[in-house]
Amino acid sequence: MKTIIAQPLTAEAFQPFGEVIELDASEQIAINRGKCIRHHRLATADVEGDVGLSIFAGQPYALPHTVDLVERHPLGSQAFYPLGQHDWLVVVCEDDVGQPTRPQAFLATTGQGVNIARNVWHGVLTPLYEPSNFIVMDRVSDGRNLEEFDLPEPFAVALP
């Protein structure tokens, strides 16, 4: 089985697949008479239909992590932001005529989220070490917005 090494999650490296959500890269606006800082427009939802905010409760995966399934959402982007303080993996693949190819993995650290662009193949939510909750912003309208793909040749993800 092929093994890929997760690279650090950076806005530049992740750009072909979507947006990295980080507070230090955000526009900051003082509100509530200066008692609150709004980290403005961290990500932009790109959906056909209604957008909803959910919390996903993910169970941890062991490393190396075997990836045998990827999915994509043709009708909307999908943003994930961790509520905990644990690292997690983001697995994405390029598309080649409707087939996922050239997988990449990113290690997201505390305070990093992602907004996966619509139609980007990606792995399942993959917290490491501890159960973790994530705020998820995505399309919640009726209609088919999920395509799953069982990989004929699974691969493993390891850390450097």
N, C-alpha and C. Protein backbone atom coordinates (compact mmCIF):
# COMPACT_ATOMS: atom_id res chain seq x y z
N MET A 1 0.85 -1.17 0.00
CA MET A 1 0.00 0.00 0.00
C MET A 1 0.90 1.24 0.00
N LYS A 2 0.56 2.17 -0.85
CA LYS A 2 1.29 3.43 -0.94
C LYS A 2 1.03 4.26 0.32
N THR A 3 2.06 4.94 0.82
CA THR A 3 1.92 5.83 1.96
C THR A 3 2.29 7.24 1.53
N ILE A 4 1.44 8.20 1.89
CA ILE A 4 1.76 9.60 1.67
C ILE A 4 1.99 10.26 3.02
N ILE A 5 2.83 11.28 3.03
CA ILE A 5 3.16 11.99 4.27
C ILE A 5 2.37 13.29 4.31
N ALA A 6 1.67 13.49 5.42
CA ALA A 6 0.90 14.73 5.59
C ALA A 6 1.84 15.91 5.70
N GLN A 7 1.52 16.96 4.97
CA GLN A 7 2.30 18.19 5.04
C GLN A 7 1.56 19.20 5.90
N PRO A 8 2.26 20.21 6.40
CA PRO A 8 1.58 21.23 7.19
C PRO A 8 0.49 21.91 6.36
N LEU A 9 -0.61 22.23 7.02
CA LEU A 9 -1.71 22.93 6.35
C LEU A 9 -1.37 24.41 6.26
N THR A 10 -1.22 24.89 5.03
CA THR A 10 -1.00 26.32 4.79
C THR A 10 -1.98 26.79 3.72
N ALA A 11 -2.29 28.06 3.73
CA ALA A 11 -3.22 28.61 2.75
C ALA A 11 -2.70 28.40 1.33
N GLU A 12 -1.42 28.58 1.13
CA GLU A 12 -0.84 28.44 -0.20
C GLU A 12 -0.91 26.99 -0.70
N ALA A 13 -0.55 26.03 0.14
CA ALA A 13 -0.56 24.63 -0.27
C ALA A 13 -1.97 24.11 -0.50
N PHE A 14 -2.94 24.61 0.29
CA PHE A 14 -4.31 24.11 0.20
C PHE A 14 -5.15 24.85 -0.84
N GLN A 15 -4.66 25.94 -1.38
CA GLN A 15 -5.43 26.80 -2.28
C GLN A 15 -6.12 26.06 -3.43
N PRO A 16 -5.52 25.05 -4.07
CA PRO A 16 -6.24 24.37 -5.16
C PRO A 16 -7.50 23.63 -4.71
N PHE A 17 -7.64 23.42 -3.39
CA PHE A 17 -8.75 22.62 -2.88
C PHE A 17 -9.77 23.44 -2.09
N GLY A 18 -9.45 24.68 -1.75
CA GLY A 18 -10.36 25.50 -0.97
C GLY A 18 -9.61 26.53 -0.14
N GLU A 19 -10.18 26.86 1.00
CA GLU A 19 -9.64 27.91 1.86
C GLU A 19 -9.20 27.33 3.21
N VAL A 20 -8.13 27.88 3.76
CA VAL A 20 -7.75 27.57 5.14
C VAL A 20 -8.39 28.63 6.03
N ILE A 21 -8.96 28.18 7.13
CA ILE A 21 -9.62 29.08 8.08
C ILE A 21 -8.69 29.23 9.28
N GLU A 22 -8.17 30.46 9.47
CA GLU A 22 -7.28 30.75 10.59
C GLU A 22 -7.57 32.15 11.11
N LEU A 23 -7.55 32.30 12.42
CA LEU A 23 -7.84 33.61 12.99
C LEU A 23 -6.75 34.63 12.68
N ASP A 24 -5.50 34.21 12.67
CA ASP A 24 -4.43 35.19 12.46
C ASP A 24 -4.40 35.75 11.05
N ALA A 25 -5.09 35.10 10.12
CA ALA A 25 -5.12 35.58 8.73
C ALA A 25 -6.39 36.37 8.44
N SER A 26 -7.20 36.59 9.45
CA SER A 26 -8.51 37.21 9.21
C SER A 26 -8.48 38.72 9.38
N GLU A 27 -9.49 39.33 8.78
CA GLU A 27 -9.74 40.75 9.02
C GLU A 27 -10.39 40.85 10.40
N GLN A 28 -9.86 41.69 11.26
CA GLN A 28 -10.37 41.81 12.61
C GLN A 28 -11.09 43.14 12.78
N ILE A 29 -12.31 43.06 13.31
CA ILE A 29 -13.15 44.24 13.49
C ILE A 29 -13.59 44.29 14.95
N ALA A 30 -13.35 45.39 15.61
CA ALA A 30 -13.81 45.56 16.98
C ALA A 30 -15.31 45.85 16.96
N ILE A 31 -16.06 45.12 17.78
CA ILE A 31 -17.50 45.31 17.90
C ILE A 31 -17.88 45.34 19.38
N ASN A 32 -19.14 45.55 19.67
CA ASN A 32 -19.66 45.57 21.03
C ASN A 32 -18.86 46.52 21.92
N ARG A 33 -18.70 47.75 21.40
CA ARG A 33 -17.97 48.80 22.13
C ARG A 33 -16.55 48.36 22.50
N GLY A 34 -15.94 47.60 21.60
CA GLY A 34 -14.55 47.20 21.80
C GLY A 34 -14.35 45.98 22.69
N LYS A 35 -15.42 45.38 23.17
CA LYS A 35 -15.32 44.23 24.06
C LYS A 35 -15.24 42.90 23.30
N CYS A 36 -15.33 42.96 21.99
CA CYS A 36 -15.33 41.74 21.18
C CYS A 36 -14.61 42.02 19.86
N ILE A 37 -13.87 41.05 19.40
CA ILE A 37 -13.22 41.14 18.09
C ILE A 37 -13.92 40.16 17.16
N ARG A 38 -14.38 40.69 16.05
CA ARG A 38 -14.98 39.84 15.02
C ARG A 38 -13.88 39.48 14.02
N HIS A 39 -13.62 38.19 13.87
CA HIS A 39 -12.70 37.69 12.86
C HIS A 39 -13.56 37.49 11.62
N HIS A 40 -13.50 38.46 10.74
CA HIS A 40 -14.48 38.63 9.67
C HIS A 40 -14.17 37.80 8.44
N ARG A 41 -15.22 37.20 7.90
CA ARG A 41 -15.20 36.52 6.61
C ARG A 41 -14.04 35.51 6.49
N LEU A 42 -14.05 34.56 7.42
CA LEU A 42 -13.01 33.54 7.43
C LEU A 42 -13.13 32.58 6.26
N ALA A 43 -14.33 32.40 5.77
CA ALA A 43 -14.57 31.52 4.61
C ALA A 43 -15.88 31.96 3.97
N THR A 44 -16.04 31.60 2.72
CA THR A 44 -17.24 31.96 1.99
C THR A 44 -17.95 30.70 1.52
N ALA A 45 -19.21 30.56 1.88
CA ALA A 45 -19.99 29.40 1.45
C ALA A 45 -20.32 29.55 -0.03
N ASP A 46 -20.08 28.49 -0.78
CA ASP A 46 -20.41 28.45 -2.21
C ASP A 46 -21.39 27.30 -2.40
N VAL A 47 -22.67 27.59 -2.28
CA VAL A 47 -23.68 26.53 -2.32
C VAL A 47 -24.86 26.91 -3.20
N GLU A 48 -25.49 25.89 -3.72
CA GLU A 48 -26.79 26.04 -4.37
C GLU A 48 -27.82 25.61 -3.34
N GLY A 49 -28.58 26.54 -2.81
CA GLY A 49 -29.57 26.20 -1.79
C GLY A 49 -29.25 26.85 -0.47
N ASP A 50 -29.74 26.24 0.61
CA ASP A 50 -29.59 26.79 1.95
C ASP A 50 -28.29 26.34 2.60
N VAL A 51 -27.73 27.23 3.41
CA VAL A 51 -26.52 26.93 4.18
C VAL A 51 -26.94 26.68 5.62
N GLY A 52 -26.36 25.68 6.24
CA GLY A 52 -26.64 25.38 7.63
C GLY A 52 -25.36 25.27 8.42
N LEU A 53 -25.48 25.45 9.72
CA LEU A 53 -24.36 25.31 10.64
C LEU A 53 -24.65 24.09 11.51
N SER A 54 -23.74 23.14 11.54
CA SER A 54 -23.91 21.90 12.30
C SER A 54 -22.68 21.68 13.15
N ILE A 55 -22.77 20.74 14.08
CA ILE A 55 -21.62 20.26 14.81
C ILE A 55 -21.49 18.78 14.54
N PHE A 56 -20.30 18.37 14.07
CA PHE A 56 -19.99 16.97 13.83
C PHE A 56 -19.13 16.50 15.00
N ALA A 57 -19.46 15.35 15.57
CA ALA A 57 -18.68 14.75 16.65
C ALA A 57 -17.88 13.60 16.07
N GLY A 58 -16.59 13.83 15.83
CA GLY A 58 -15.75 12.84 15.17
C GLY A 58 -14.94 12.00 16.14
N GLN A 59 -14.84 10.72 15.83
CA GLN A 59 -14.02 9.80 16.60
C GLN A 59 -12.61 9.78 16.01
N PRO A 60 -11.58 9.61 16.83
CA PRO A 60 -10.21 9.66 16.34
C PRO A 60 -9.83 8.45 15.48
N TYR A 61 -8.88 8.69 14.60
CA TYR A 61 -8.31 7.66 13.75
C TYR A 61 -6.87 7.43 14.17
N ALA A 62 -6.43 6.18 14.06
CA ALA A 62 -5.04 5.84 14.36
C ALA A 62 -4.16 6.12 13.15
N LEU A 63 -2.88 6.34 13.42
CA LEU A 63 -1.91 6.54 12.36
C LEU A 63 -1.02 5.30 12.24
N PRO A 64 -0.58 4.93 11.07
CA PRO A 64 -0.97 5.54 9.80
C PRO A 64 -2.45 5.28 9.50
N HIS A 65 -3.07 6.25 8.86
CA HIS A 65 -4.50 6.21 8.56
C HIS A 65 -4.70 5.67 7.15
N THR A 66 -5.49 4.61 7.01
CA THR A 66 -5.78 4.04 5.69
C THR A 66 -6.98 4.76 5.09
N VAL A 67 -6.82 5.27 3.89
CA VAL A 67 -7.90 5.95 3.18
C VAL A 67 -8.37 5.03 2.05
N ASP A 68 -9.62 4.61 2.14
CA ASP A 68 -10.19 3.74 1.11
C ASP A 68 -11.46 4.31 0.50
N LEU A 69 -11.88 5.48 1.00
CA LEU A 69 -13.10 6.14 0.53
C LEU A 69 -12.86 7.64 0.50
N VAL A 70 -13.26 8.29 -0.57
CA VAL A 70 -13.29 9.75 -0.63
C VAL A 70 -14.69 10.15 -1.09
N GLU A 71 -15.00 11.42 -0.89
CA GLU A 71 -16.32 11.93 -1.27
C GLU A 71 -16.16 13.34 -1.80
N ARG A 72 -17.22 13.82 -2.45
CA ARG A 72 -17.26 15.22 -2.87
C ARG A 72 -18.70 15.68 -2.88
N HIS A 73 -18.85 17.01 -2.92
CA HIS A 73 -20.16 17.64 -2.83
C HIS A 73 -20.32 18.60 -4.01
N PRO A 74 -21.04 18.19 -5.06
CA PRO A 74 -21.13 19.02 -6.27
C PRO A 74 -21.98 20.28 -6.12
N LEU A 75 -22.81 20.34 -5.08
CA LEU A 75 -23.71 21.48 -4.94
C LEU A 75 -23.29 22.47 -3.86
N GLY A 76 -22.12 22.26 -3.27
CA GLY A 76 -21.72 23.23 -2.26
C GLY A 76 -20.40 22.92 -1.59
N SER A 77 -19.76 23.99 -1.14
CA SER A 77 -18.54 23.87 -0.35
C SER A 77 -18.89 23.32 1.03
N GLN A 78 -17.86 22.91 1.75
CA GLN A 78 -18.08 22.35 3.08
C GLN A 78 -16.92 22.81 3.98
N ALA A 79 -17.26 23.58 5.02
CA ALA A 79 -16.26 24.13 5.93
C ALA A 79 -16.25 23.36 7.25
N PHE A 80 -15.04 23.11 7.75
CA PHE A 80 -14.84 22.41 9.03
C PHE A 80 -13.94 23.27 9.91
N TYR A 81 -14.36 23.49 11.17
CA TYR A 81 -13.52 24.21 12.11
C TYR A 81 -13.59 23.47 13.46
N PRO A 82 -12.42 23.06 13.97
CA PRO A 82 -12.42 22.28 15.22
C PRO A 82 -12.75 23.12 16.43
N LEU A 83 -13.49 22.53 17.35
CA LEU A 83 -13.78 23.20 18.61
C LEU A 83 -12.77 22.82 19.69
N GLY A 84 -12.01 21.75 19.46
CA GLY A 84 -11.02 21.28 20.44
C GLY A 84 -9.62 21.76 20.13
N GLN A 85 -8.69 21.16 20.83
CA GLN A 85 -7.29 21.57 20.74
C GLN A 85 -6.42 20.44 20.20
N HIS A 86 -6.95 19.64 19.29
CA HIS A 86 -6.21 18.50 18.79
C HIS A 86 -5.97 18.60 17.28
N ASP A 87 -4.85 18.04 16.85
CA ASP A 87 -4.54 17.99 15.43
C ASP A 87 -5.53 17.08 14.71
N TRP A 88 -5.67 17.33 13.42
CA TRP A 88 -6.54 16.49 12.60
C TRP A 88 -6.02 16.48 11.18
N LEU A 89 -6.44 15.49 10.41
CA LEU A 89 -5.98 15.34 9.04
C LEU A 89 -7.02 15.84 8.05
N VAL A 90 -6.54 16.43 6.97
CA VAL A 90 -7.37 16.80 5.84
C VAL A 90 -6.78 16.09 4.62
N VAL A 91 -7.57 15.20 4.03
CA VAL A 91 -7.13 14.45 2.86
C VAL A 91 -7.94 14.94 1.66
N VAL A 92 -7.25 15.28 0.59
CA VAL A 92 -7.92 15.74 -0.63
C VAL A 92 -7.27 15.06 -1.84
N CYS A 93 -8.02 15.04 -2.93
CA CYS A 93 -7.50 14.47 -4.18
C CYS A 93 -7.84 15.40 -5.32
N GLU A 94 -6.99 15.41 -6.31
CA GLU A 94 -7.32 16.11 -7.55
C GLU A 94 -8.35 15.28 -8.30
N ASP A 95 -8.97 15.89 -9.30
CA ASP A 95 -9.98 15.20 -10.11
C ASP A 95 -9.43 14.98 -11.51
N ASP A 96 -9.63 13.78 -12.02
CA ASP A 96 -9.25 13.45 -13.39
C ASP A 96 -10.45 12.81 -14.07
N VAL A 97 -11.22 13.62 -14.77
CA VAL A 97 -12.42 13.17 -15.49
C VAL A 97 -13.35 12.38 -14.56
N GLY A 98 -13.65 12.99 -13.40
CA GLY A 98 -14.59 12.39 -12.47
C GLY A 98 -14.01 11.35 -11.53
N GLN A 99 -12.71 11.13 -11.60
CA GLN A 99 -12.04 10.14 -10.75
C GLN A 99 -11.06 10.86 -9.82
N PRO A 100 -11.04 10.50 -8.53
CA PRO A 100 -10.04 11.09 -7.65
C PRO A 100 -8.66 10.55 -7.98
N THR A 101 -7.68 11.43 -7.93
CA THR A 101 -6.30 11.06 -8.25
C THR A 101 -5.34 11.94 -7.48
N ARG A 102 -4.09 11.56 -7.41
CA ARG A 102 -3.02 12.33 -6.77
C ARG A 102 -3.41 12.83 -5.38
N PRO A 103 -3.61 11.91 -4.44
CA PRO A 103 -4.02 12.32 -3.09
C PRO A 103 -2.96 13.15 -2.39
N GLN A 104 -3.43 14.05 -1.55
CA GLN A 104 -2.57 14.85 -0.70
C GLN A 104 -3.18 14.87 0.69
N ALA A 105 -2.33 14.96 1.69
CA ALA A 105 -2.80 15.04 3.08
C ALA A 105 -2.16 16.23 3.75
N PHE A 106 -2.93 16.87 4.62
CA PHE A 106 -2.47 18.04 5.36
C PHE A 106 -2.74 17.82 6.84
N LEU A 107 -1.79 18.23 7.66
CA LEU A 107 -1.96 18.17 9.10
C LEU A 107 -2.43 19.54 9.58
N ALA A 108 -3.67 19.58 10.04
CA ALA A 108 -4.23 20.81 10.60
C ALA A 108 -3.97 20.81 12.10
N THR A 109 -3.50 21.94 12.60
CA THR A 109 -3.19 22.05 14.01
C THR A 109 -4.25 22.91 14.70
N THR A 110 -4.07 23.11 15.99
CA THR A 110 -5.02 23.89 16.78
C THR A 110 -5.32 25.22 16.10
N GLY A 111 -6.59 25.53 15.98
CA GLY A 111 -7.00 26.81 15.40
C GLY A 111 -7.04 26.85 13.90
N GLN A 112 -6.88 25.71 13.23
CA GLN A 112 -6.95 25.68 11.77
C GLN A 112 -8.16 24.88 11.32
N GLY A 113 -8.91 25.48 10.40
CA GLY A 113 -10.02 24.81 9.75
C GLY A 113 -9.85 24.90 8.26
N VAL A 114 -10.77 24.28 7.53
CA VAL A 114 -10.73 24.35 6.07
C VAL A 114 -12.14 24.55 5.53
N ASN A 115 -12.20 25.17 4.38
CA ASN A 115 -13.43 25.26 3.60
C ASN A 115 -13.12 24.55 2.28
N ILE A 116 -13.59 23.33 2.16
CA ILE A 116 -13.32 22.52 0.97
C ILE A 116 -14.25 22.98 -0.14
N ALA A 117 -13.68 23.36 -1.26
CA ALA A 117 -14.47 23.87 -2.38
C ALA A 117 -15.42 22.80 -2.92
N ARG A 118 -16.49 23.26 -3.56
CA ARG A 118 -17.43 22.29 -4.14
C ARG A 118 -16.72 21.44 -5.17
N ASN A 119 -17.13 20.19 -5.24
CA ASN A 119 -16.64 19.20 -6.21
C ASN A 119 -15.20 18.76 -5.96
N VAL A 120 -14.62 19.05 -4.81
CA VAL A 120 -13.28 18.57 -4.49
C VAL A 120 -13.39 17.25 -3.74
N TRP A 121 -12.71 16.24 -4.26
CA TRP A 121 -12.66 14.94 -3.57
C TRP A 121 -11.92 15.11 -2.26
N HIS A 122 -12.49 14.55 -1.17
CA HIS A 122 -11.83 14.65 0.13
C HIS A 122 -12.14 13.43 0.98
N GLY A 123 -11.27 13.19 1.93
CA GLY A 123 -11.48 12.10 2.86
C GLY A 123 -12.53 12.47 3.89
N VAL A 124 -12.83 11.50 4.74
CA VAL A 124 -13.80 11.73 5.81
C VAL A 124 -13.17 12.58 6.90
N LEU A 125 -13.99 13.11 7.79
CA LEU A 125 -13.50 13.89 8.92
C LEU A 125 -12.57 13.00 9.74
N THR A 126 -11.33 13.47 9.96
CA THR A 126 -10.30 12.61 10.54
C THR A 126 -9.59 13.28 11.72
N PRO A 127 -10.26 13.32 12.89
CA PRO A 127 -9.55 13.81 14.06
C PRO A 127 -8.50 12.79 14.49
N LEU A 128 -7.45 13.27 15.13
CA LEU A 128 -6.40 12.41 15.66
C LEU A 128 -6.39 12.49 17.18
N TYR A 129 -6.06 11.40 17.83
CA TYR A 129 -5.77 11.33 19.26
C TYR A 129 -6.97 11.35 20.19
N GLU A 130 -7.96 12.21 19.98
CA GLU A 130 -9.10 12.34 20.89
C GLU A 130 -10.39 12.56 20.10
N PRO A 131 -11.55 12.16 20.65
CA PRO A 131 -12.80 12.56 20.00
C PRO A 131 -12.84 14.09 19.92
N SER A 132 -13.36 14.60 18.80
CA SER A 132 -13.34 16.05 18.59
C SER A 132 -14.62 16.52 17.92
N ASN A 133 -15.09 17.67 18.36
CA ASN A 133 -16.25 18.31 17.75
C ASN A 133 -15.77 19.36 16.75
N PHE A 134 -16.52 19.49 15.66
CA PHE A 134 -16.22 20.44 14.61
C PHE A 134 -17.48 21.21 14.26
N ILE A 135 -17.36 22.52 14.12
CA ILE A 135 -18.42 23.31 13.51
C ILE A 135 -18.32 23.05 12.00
N VAL A 136 -19.44 22.74 11.39
CA VAL A 136 -19.47 22.48 9.95
C VAL A 136 -20.50 23.40 9.31
N MET A 137 -20.07 24.12 8.29
CA MET A 137 -20.97 24.97 7.51
C MET A 137 -21.04 24.37 6.12
N ASP A 138 -22.27 23.94 5.73
CA ASP A 138 -22.42 23.36 4.40
C ASP A 138 -23.86 23.44 3.94
N ARG A 139 -24.11 22.91 2.78
CA ARG A 139 -25.43 22.94 2.16
C ARG A 139 -26.35 21.98 2.91
N VAL A 140 -27.58 22.44 3.23
CA VAL A 140 -28.54 21.61 3.95
C VAL A 140 -29.85 21.43 3.19
N SER A 141 -29.91 21.86 1.95
CA SER A 141 -31.12 21.73 1.14
C SER A 141 -31.31 20.29 0.67
N ASP A 142 -32.55 19.97 0.24
CA ASP A 142 -32.82 18.67 -0.34
C ASP A 142 -32.05 18.51 -1.64
N GLY A 143 -31.92 17.28 -2.06
CA GLY A 143 -31.22 17.00 -3.31
C GLY A 143 -29.91 16.28 -3.05
N ARG A 144 -29.41 15.63 -4.05
CA ARG A 144 -28.19 14.82 -3.92
C ARG A 144 -26.94 15.70 -4.00
N ASN A 145 -26.26 15.82 -2.86
CA ASN A 145 -25.05 16.62 -2.81
C ASN A 145 -23.88 15.79 -2.28
N LEU A 146 -23.93 14.50 -2.48
CA LEU A 146 -22.86 13.63 -2.01
C LEU A 146 -22.55 12.59 -3.06
N GLU A 147 -21.28 12.53 -3.46
CA GLU A 147 -20.78 11.46 -4.30
C GLU A 147 -19.67 10.78 -3.54
N GLU A 148 -19.77 9.47 -3.36
CA GLU A 148 -18.73 8.71 -2.70
C GLU A 148 -17.98 7.87 -3.72
N PHE A 149 -16.70 7.63 -3.46
CA PHE A 149 -15.86 6.86 -4.37
C PHE A 149 -15.00 5.91 -3.55
N ASP A 150 -15.23 4.59 -3.73
CA ASP A 150 -14.39 3.58 -3.09
C ASP A 150 -13.11 3.46 -3.90
N LEU A 151 -11.99 3.72 -3.27
CA LEU A 151 -10.71 3.69 -3.96
C LEU A 151 -10.28 2.24 -4.26
N PRO A 152 -10.01 1.92 -5.52
CA PRO A 152 -9.57 0.56 -5.84
C PRO A 152 -8.21 0.23 -5.23
N GLU A 153 -7.39 1.27 -5.00
CA GLU A 153 -6.09 1.11 -4.36
C GLU A 153 -6.01 2.06 -3.17
N PRO A 154 -6.42 1.58 -1.96
CA PRO A 154 -6.33 2.45 -0.80
C PRO A 154 -4.89 2.90 -0.58
N PHE A 155 -4.73 3.98 0.19
CA PHE A 155 -3.41 4.47 0.54
C PHE A 155 -3.39 4.81 2.02
N ALA A 156 -2.21 4.92 2.57
CA ALA A 156 -2.06 5.26 3.98
C ALA A 156 -1.52 6.68 4.10
N VAL A 157 -1.87 7.34 5.21
CA VAL A 157 -1.34 8.67 5.51
C VAL A 157 -0.58 8.57 6.82
N ALA A 158 0.64 9.08 6.80
CA ALA A 158 1.48 9.11 7.99
C ALA A 158 1.96 10.54 8.21
N LEU A 159 2.46 10.78 9.40
CA LEU A 159 3.03 12.10 9.72
C LEU A 159 4.53 12.07 9.46
N PRO A 160 5.13 13.23 9.24
CA PRO A 160 6.58 13.26 9.00
C PRO A 160 7.38 12.72 10.17
